[in-house]
């Protein structure tokens, strides 16, 4: 797995960190974006805003200028329906404020020195959720995802999605096939911090990428990507877990860990010691494995399952008891 990790790690870290930051930016509430107007320059000339934000121009130069978006000067344009302005900025009127009411691109120029004194405002609607954290923690083959919101608007739910990139031969971000592995309900409309936690259990050895698909009550959605991949490594020793659920009716799962490639045999015995089923009898790769037992054709009672593992260096086995109640 180390070879796979080194192949994908640096590429994913850079790409997904950039995409994550780009997709999850928003303002929690209306803010003031300051633009300084000097004799020959706007600072900053290009800004990113959210509907509801206030754009404030402050004049600090020595000459009188006029900023406009009314289409009189070449290069000026507004989103359809946006309110135009034609405001002089000078020592008598040093400040002008404009509230963004529509999403779109606002291109504006100054009366003097155009196009040197040209600027652009790129405005979008506020996102329904402000995500403040999105992190992953691993415990053996379990991934714990934690994220927090500082406010939510019309938030219906989060879909938790993942993809195993260790199975990819060639990296192509446009062809990543994410699978939904869980859903958590949102909180509708809240203006306080809320913490979420999701556990993704019983993963195979591999390299995973996660994202959240946040969906509002109008079926609009946006993605929040985890900025780094999650690596599930190879177990350090042979081990089997208690079947789950237990007691069961009629299906249960047996999880076990293989530190190396080898031959695995899983046998099922009744309370008298008679073998009644063979669940696994094959070579398997190192990693986290699962066997499923369907007892629909068996009677209620106590059963025992034995997992035998044989590789080039060793033979190991473990036995546990399980209970089926119909």
Protein backbone atom coordinates (compact mmCIF):
# COMPACT_ATOMS: atom_id res chain seq x y z
CA UNK A 1 0.00 0.00 0.00
CA UNK A 2 2.93 2.33 0.47
CA UNK A 3 3.49 2.37 -3.30
CA UNK A 4 -0.13 3.26 -3.96
CA UNK A 5 -0.07 5.98 -1.33
CA UNK A 6 3.04 7.69 -2.68
CA UNK A 7 1.62 7.54 -6.21
CA UNK A 8 -1.60 9.36 -5.37
CA UNK A 9 -0.85 11.34 -2.21
CA UNK A 10 0.79 14.55 -3.43
CA UNK A 11 -1.52 14.89 -6.42
CA UNK A 12 -4.69 14.47 -4.35
CA UNK A 13 -3.52 16.72 -1.53
CA UNK A 14 -2.92 19.66 -3.86
CA UNK A 15 -5.94 19.20 -6.10
CA UNK A 16 -8.56 18.50 -3.47
CA UNK A 17 -7.35 21.16 -1.07
CA UNK A 18 -7.79 23.75 -3.83
CA UNK A 19 -11.22 22.39 -4.82
CA UNK A 20 -12.31 22.15 -1.18
CA UNK A 21 -11.45 25.79 -0.48
CA UNK A 22 -13.09 26.96 -3.70
CA UNK A 23 -16.35 25.08 -3.17
CA UNK A 24 -16.86 25.76 0.50
CA UNK A 25 -16.22 29.54 0.61
CA UNK A 26 -19.12 31.64 1.81
CA UNK A 27 -19.91 34.55 4.09
CA UNK A 28 -21.91 33.65 7.20
CA UNK A 29 -23.74 36.98 6.98
CA UNK A 30 -23.57 40.29 5.16
CA UNK A 31 -20.10 41.81 5.36
CA UNK A 32 -18.47 45.01 4.19
CA UNK A 33 -15.83 44.66 1.47
CA UNK A 34 -13.53 47.66 1.35
CA UNK A 35 -12.06 49.01 -1.89
CA UNK A 36 -9.52 51.82 -1.72
CA UNK A 37 -9.50 54.33 -4.60
CA UNK A 38 -6.20 56.11 -5.25
CA UNK A 39 -5.15 58.26 -8.21
CA UNK A 40 -4.39 55.40 -10.56
CA UNK A 41 -5.56 52.14 -8.98
CA UNK A 42 -8.30 50.29 -7.15
CA UNK A 43 -7.17 48.08 -4.25
CA UNK A 44 -8.33 45.43 -4.64
CA UNK A 45 -9.57 45.80 -8.19
CA UNK A 46 -11.29 42.38 -8.23
CA UNK A 47 -13.32 41.06 -5.29
CA UNK A 48 -15.50 38.05 -4.50
CA UNK A 49 -18.77 38.89 -2.78
CA UNK A 50 -22.01 37.29 -1.64
CA UNK A 51 -25.51 38.61 -2.20
CA UNK A 52 -26.23 40.91 0.75
CA UNK A 53 -22.63 42.12 1.09
CA UNK A 54 -21.83 45.82 1.02
CA UNK A 55 -19.10 47.11 -1.29
CA UNK A 56 -17.48 50.25 0.11
CA UNK A 57 -15.23 52.49 -1.99
CA UNK A 58 -13.07 54.94 -0.03
CA UNK A 59 -11.31 57.79 -1.84
CA UNK A 60 -7.75 58.56 -0.69
CA UNK A 61 -6.38 60.22 -3.84
CA UNK A 62 -5.77 63.86 -4.76
CA UNK A 63 -7.94 64.06 -7.88
CA UNK A 64 -11.71 63.78 -8.32
CA UNK A 65 -12.93 60.58 -9.98
CA UNK A 66 -16.23 58.95 -10.81
CA UNK A 67 -16.95 55.23 -10.71
CA UNK A 68 -19.85 54.04 -12.80
CA UNK A 69 -21.74 50.92 -13.82
CA UNK A 70 -24.39 52.65 -15.90
CA UNK A 71 -22.89 51.62 -19.25
CA UNK A 72 -21.71 55.09 -20.27
CA UNK A 73 -18.07 54.05 -20.34
CA UNK A 74 -16.64 51.15 -22.40
CA UNK A 75 -16.29 47.93 -20.46
CA UNK A 76 -18.96 48.58 -17.86
CA UNK A 77 -21.65 45.93 -17.36
CA UNK A 78 -24.08 44.72 -14.69
CA UNK A 79 -26.10 41.55 -14.10
CA UNK A 80 -29.62 41.92 -15.53
CA UNK A 81 -31.83 43.78 -13.07
CA UNK A 82 -29.02 45.12 -10.89
CA UNK A 83 -29.24 48.77 -9.80
CA UNK A 84 -26.77 51.03 -11.60
CA UNK A 85 -24.75 53.74 -9.93
CA UNK A 86 -22.83 56.85 -10.97
CA UNK A 87 -21.07 58.16 -7.90
CA UNK A 88 -18.34 60.78 -7.65
CA UNK A 89 -15.58 60.12 -5.15
CA UNK A 90 -13.46 63.06 -4.03
CA UNK A 91 -12.39 64.93 -0.91
CA UNK A 92 -15.95 66.14 -0.43
CA UNK A 93 -17.55 62.71 -0.84
CA UNK A 94 -14.81 60.23 0.10
CA UNK A 95 -17.01 57.15 0.65
CA UNK A 96 -19.62 55.36 -1.48
CA UNK A 97 -21.43 52.13 -0.56
CA UNK A 98 -23.32 49.70 -2.79
CA UNK A 99 -25.25 46.64 -1.57
CA UNK A 100 -25.10 43.54 -3.78
CA UNK A 101 -28.67 42.36 -4.38
CA UNK A 102 -28.21 40.02 -7.35
CA UNK A 103 -25.65 37.34 -8.19
CA UNK A 104 -23.44 37.91 -11.21
CA UNK A 105 -20.44 39.89 -12.43
CA UNK A 106 -20.25 43.65 -11.91
CA UNK A 107 -17.60 45.23 -14.18
CA UNK A 108 -16.97 48.91 -13.46
CA UNK A 109 -14.53 51.61 -14.60
CA UNK A 110 -13.40 55.02 -13.41
CA UNK A 111 -14.04 58.19 -15.44
CA UNK A 112 -10.31 58.97 -15.48
CA UNK A 113 -7.45 56.68 -16.48
CA UNK A 114 -9.66 53.87 -17.82
CA UNK A 115 -8.96 51.03 -18.30
CA UNK A 116 -6.23 51.33 -15.63
CA UNK A 117 -8.89 52.05 -13.03
CA UNK A 118 -11.23 49.14 -13.84
CA UNK A 119 -12.57 46.57 -11.42
CA UNK A 120 -14.77 43.50 -11.16
CA UNK A 121 -17.12 42.26 -8.45
CA UNK A 122 -18.01 38.57 -8.70
CA UNK A 123 -21.11 37.95 -6.58
CA UNK A 124 -22.91 34.72 -5.76
CA UNK A 125 -25.85 33.72 -3.60
CA UNK A 126 -24.91 32.78 -0.04
CA UNK A 127 -24.52 29.06 0.52
CA UNK A 128 -27.12 27.50 2.82
CA UNK A 129 -24.50 26.04 5.16
CA UNK A 130 -21.30 27.47 6.57
CA UNK A 131 -18.95 24.55 7.20
CA UNK A 132 -16.26 25.46 9.73
CA UNK A 133 -14.54 22.06 10.08
CA UNK A 134 -14.41 18.79 8.15
CA UNK A 135 -11.88 16.24 9.45
CA UNK A 136 -11.35 12.48 9.47
CA UNK A 137 -9.98 10.13 12.14
CA UNK A 138 -9.12 6.46 11.60
CA UNK A 139 -9.31 3.60 14.11
CA UNK A 140 -8.10 0.39 12.43
CA UNK A 141 -10.56 0.02 9.53
CA UNK A 142 -13.09 2.57 10.79
CA UNK A 143 -13.20 6.19 9.61
CA UNK A 144 -14.82 8.82 11.83
CA UNK A 145 -15.90 11.98 10.01
CA UNK A 146 -16.55 15.14 12.04
CA UNK A 147 -17.83 18.44 10.70
CA UNK A 148 -19.38 21.56 12.17
CA UNK A 149 -21.68 24.26 10.89
CA UNK A 150 -21.83 27.75 12.33
CA UNK A 151 -25.19 28.39 10.69
CA UNK A 152 -27.67 26.66 8.40
CA UNK A 153 -30.35 27.96 6.02
CA UNK A 154 -32.98 25.60 4.62
CA UNK A 155 -30.68 22.64 5.24
CA UNK A 156 -32.40 19.30 4.60
CA UNK A 157 -29.56 16.75 4.86
CA UNK A 158 -25.97 15.71 4.27
CA UNK A 159 -25.10 12.74 2.09
CA UNK A 160 -21.74 11.20 3.03
CA UNK A 161 -19.92 9.92 -0.06
CA UNK A 162 -16.61 8.11 -0.63
CA UNK A 163 -14.46 6.63 -3.39
CA UNK A 164 -11.58 4.12 -3.13
CA UNK A 165 -8.80 5.65 -5.25
CA UNK A 166 -6.37 2.81 -4.61
CA UNK A 167 -8.28 0.83 -7.25
CA UNK A 168 -7.69 3.48 -9.91
CA UNK A 169 -5.08 2.82 -12.59
CA UNK A 170 -5.06 6.40 -13.90
CA UNK A 171 -6.05 9.48 -11.98
CA UNK A 172 -8.83 11.52 -13.58
CA UNK A 173 -10.72 13.85 -11.19
CA UNK A 174 -13.64 14.11 -13.64
CA UNK A 175 -14.27 10.36 -13.46
CA UNK A 176 -14.26 9.80 -9.71
CA UNK A 177 -17.29 7.64 -8.93
CA UNK A 178 -18.35 8.52 -5.39
CA UNK A 179 -20.78 6.22 -3.56
CA UNK A 180 -23.21 7.42 -0.90
CA UNK A 181 -22.47 5.52 2.32
CA UNK A 182 -24.70 7.41 4.76
CA UNK A 183 -27.19 10.23 5.29
CA UNK A 184 -27.51 12.66 8.20
CA UNK A 185 -30.43 15.05 8.61
CA UNK A 186 -29.73 18.78 8.66
CA UNK A 187 -31.22 21.31 11.06
CA UNK A 188 -33.29 23.43 8.71
CA UNK A 189 -32.63 26.99 9.84
CA UNK A 190 -30.28 27.61 12.77
CA UNK A 191 -27.83 30.39 13.61
CA UNK A 192 -25.61 28.56 16.09
CA UNK A 193 -22.85 25.95 15.96
CA UNK A 194 -23.88 22.34 15.38
CA UNK A 195 -21.53 19.34 15.34
CA UNK A 196 -21.99 16.25 13.18
CA UNK A 197 -20.31 12.82 13.39
CA UNK A 198 -20.51 9.87 11.03
CA UNK A 199 -18.76 6.49 11.42
CA UNK A 200 -17.82 4.53 8.31
CA UNK A 201 -17.06 1.00 9.57
CA UNK A 202 -15.53 -2.22 8.27
CA UNK A 203 -13.56 -0.74 5.40
CA UNK A 204 -11.17 -2.75 3.27
CA UNK A 205 -7.51 -1.81 3.02
CA UNK A 206 -7.26 1.10 0.60
CA UNK A 207 -7.03 4.86 0.05
CA UNK A 208 -10.30 6.74 0.31
CA UNK A 209 -11.58 10.21 -0.52
CA UNK A 210 -14.68 11.59 1.19
CA UNK A 211 -17.08 14.40 0.43
CA UNK A 212 -20.34 15.77 1.80
CA UNK A 213 -23.26 16.52 -0.49
CA UNK A 214 -25.33 19.15 1.30
CA UNK A 215 -28.92 19.34 0.01
CA UNK A 216 -31.55 21.93 0.85
CA UNK A 217 -35.32 21.49 0.93
CA UNK A 218 -35.52 22.75 -2.67
CA UNK A 219 -33.16 19.98 -3.85
CA UNK A 220 -30.30 22.41 -4.46
CA UNK A 221 -26.93 20.97 -3.42
CA UNK A 222 -23.24 21.70 -3.04
CA UNK A 223 -20.21 19.51 -2.34
CA UNK A 224 -17.70 19.84 0.49
CA UNK A 225 -14.61 17.72 -0.09
CA UNK A 226 -12.27 16.40 2.58
CA UNK A 227 -8.93 18.04 1.84
CA UNK A 228 -6.86 14.87 2.19
CA UNK A 229 -7.16 11.17 1.48
CA UNK A 230 -7.77 8.61 4.23
CA UNK A 231 -5.52 5.54 4.29
CA UNK A 232 -6.68 2.20 5.72
CA UNK A 233 -3.56 0.09 6.16
CA UNK A 234 -2.85 -3.60 6.70
CA UNK A 235 -3.48 -5.18 10.16
CA UNK A 236 -0.42 -6.02 12.25
CA UNK A 237 -1.69 -9.38 13.52
CA UNK A 238 -4.28 -12.08 12.92
CA UNK A 239 -7.55 -11.42 14.74
CA UNK A 240 -11.27 -12.19 14.56
CA UNK A 241 -14.14 -10.17 16.00
CA UNK A 242 -17.32 -11.27 17.69
CA UNK A 243 -20.00 -11.75 15.05
CA UNK A 244 -22.46 -8.88 14.73
CA UNK A 245 -25.30 -8.77 15.44
CA UNK A 246 -25.28 -11.36 18.19
CA UNK A 247 -27.82 -12.77 18.95
CA UNK A 248 -29.00 -12.66 15.31
CA UNK A 249 -31.90 -13.71 13.08
CA UNK A 250 -31.06 -14.96 10.54
CA UNK A 251 -28.01 -13.07 9.15
CA UNK A 252 -24.80 -12.11 10.92
CA UNK A 253 -21.31 -10.96 9.92
CA UNK A 254 -17.87 -12.13 11.04
CA UNK A 255 -15.02 -9.63 10.67
CA UNK A 256 -11.43 -10.78 10.77
CA UNK A 257 -7.96 -9.33 10.14
CA UNK A 258 -5.14 -10.83 8.09
CA UNK A 259 -1.61 -9.41 8.44
CA UNK A 260 -0.42 -11.33 5.36
CA UNK A 261 -1.77 -13.09 2.32
CA UNK A 262 -2.76 -16.66 3.14
CA UNK A 263 -5.31 -19.45 3.16
CA UNK A 264 -8.47 -18.90 5.23
CA UNK A 265 -10.97 -21.51 6.37
CA UNK A 266 -14.08 -20.59 8.37
CA UNK A 267 -16.15 -23.50 9.69
CA UNK A 268 -19.44 -23.47 11.62
CA UNK A 269 -20.25 -26.08 14.31
CA UNK A 270 -23.37 -26.81 16.31
CA UNK A 271 -23.36 -27.24 20.09
CA UNK A 272 -22.48 -30.95 19.80
CA UNK A 273 -19.32 -30.15 17.85
CA UNK A 274 -20.63 -31.28 14.47
CA UNK A 275 -19.59 -29.13 11.49
CA UNK A 276 -22.75 -27.80 9.85
CA UNK A 277 -21.40 -25.26 7.37
CA UNK A 278 -18.26 -23.96 5.65
CA UNK A 279 -18.28 -20.18 5.17
CA UNK A 280 -14.83 -19.56 3.65
CA UNK A 281 -12.29 -21.95 2.15
CA UNK A 282 -9.94 -19.90 -0.06
CA UNK A 283 -6.79 -17.85 -0.40
CA UNK A 284 -7.29 -14.23 0.65
CA UNK A 285 -5.25 -11.05 0.61
CA UNK A 286 -3.91 -9.29 3.69
CA UNK A 287 -6.32 -6.75 5.10
CA UNK A 288 -9.74 -6.49 6.73
CA UNK A 289 -12.15 -9.23 5.65
CA UNK A 290 -15.80 -10.10 6.31
CA UNK A 291 -17.73 -13.36 6.12
CA UNK A 292 -21.54 -13.47 6.11
CA UNK A 293 -23.60 -16.31 7.59
CA UNK A 294 -27.26 -16.70 6.65
CA UNK A 295 -28.94 -19.07 9.09
CA UNK A 296 -32.36 -19.13 7.44
CA UNK A 297 -32.08 -22.90 6.99
CA UNK A 298 -30.85 -23.55 10.54
CA UNK A 299 -32.68 -23.88 13.83
CA UNK A 300 -32.29 -21.55 16.80
CA UNK A 301 -29.47 -22.29 19.17
CA UNK A 302 -25.79 -21.89 20.03
CA UNK A 303 -23.19 -22.26 17.29
CA UNK A 304 -19.42 -21.95 17.15
CA UNK A 305 -17.34 -20.54 14.31
CA UNK A 306 -13.64 -21.25 13.87
CA UNK A 307 -11.36 -19.14 11.67
CA UNK A 308 -8.15 -20.84 10.55
CA UNK A 309 -5.40 -18.83 8.87
CA UNK A 310 -2.33 -20.36 7.23
CA UNK A 311 0.55 -18.57 5.47
CA UNK A 312 4.15 -19.37 4.66
CA UNK A 313 5.33 -18.84 8.23
CA UNK A 314 2.53 -19.79 10.55
CA UNK A 315 -0.83 -21.45 11.20
CA UNK A 316 -3.29 -19.70 13.53
CA UNK A 317 -6.90 -20.24 14.51
CA UNK A 318 -9.55 -18.71 16.77
CA UNK A 319 -13.00 -19.91 17.84
CA UNK A 320 -15.98 -17.88 19.08
CA UNK A 321 -19.58 -18.61 20.09
CA UNK A 322 -22.72 -17.08 18.55
CA UNK A 323 -26.44 -17.35 19.23
CA UNK A 324 -29.26 -17.48 16.70
CA UNK A 325 -32.79 -16.75 17.95
CA UNK A 326 -35.75 -17.07 15.62
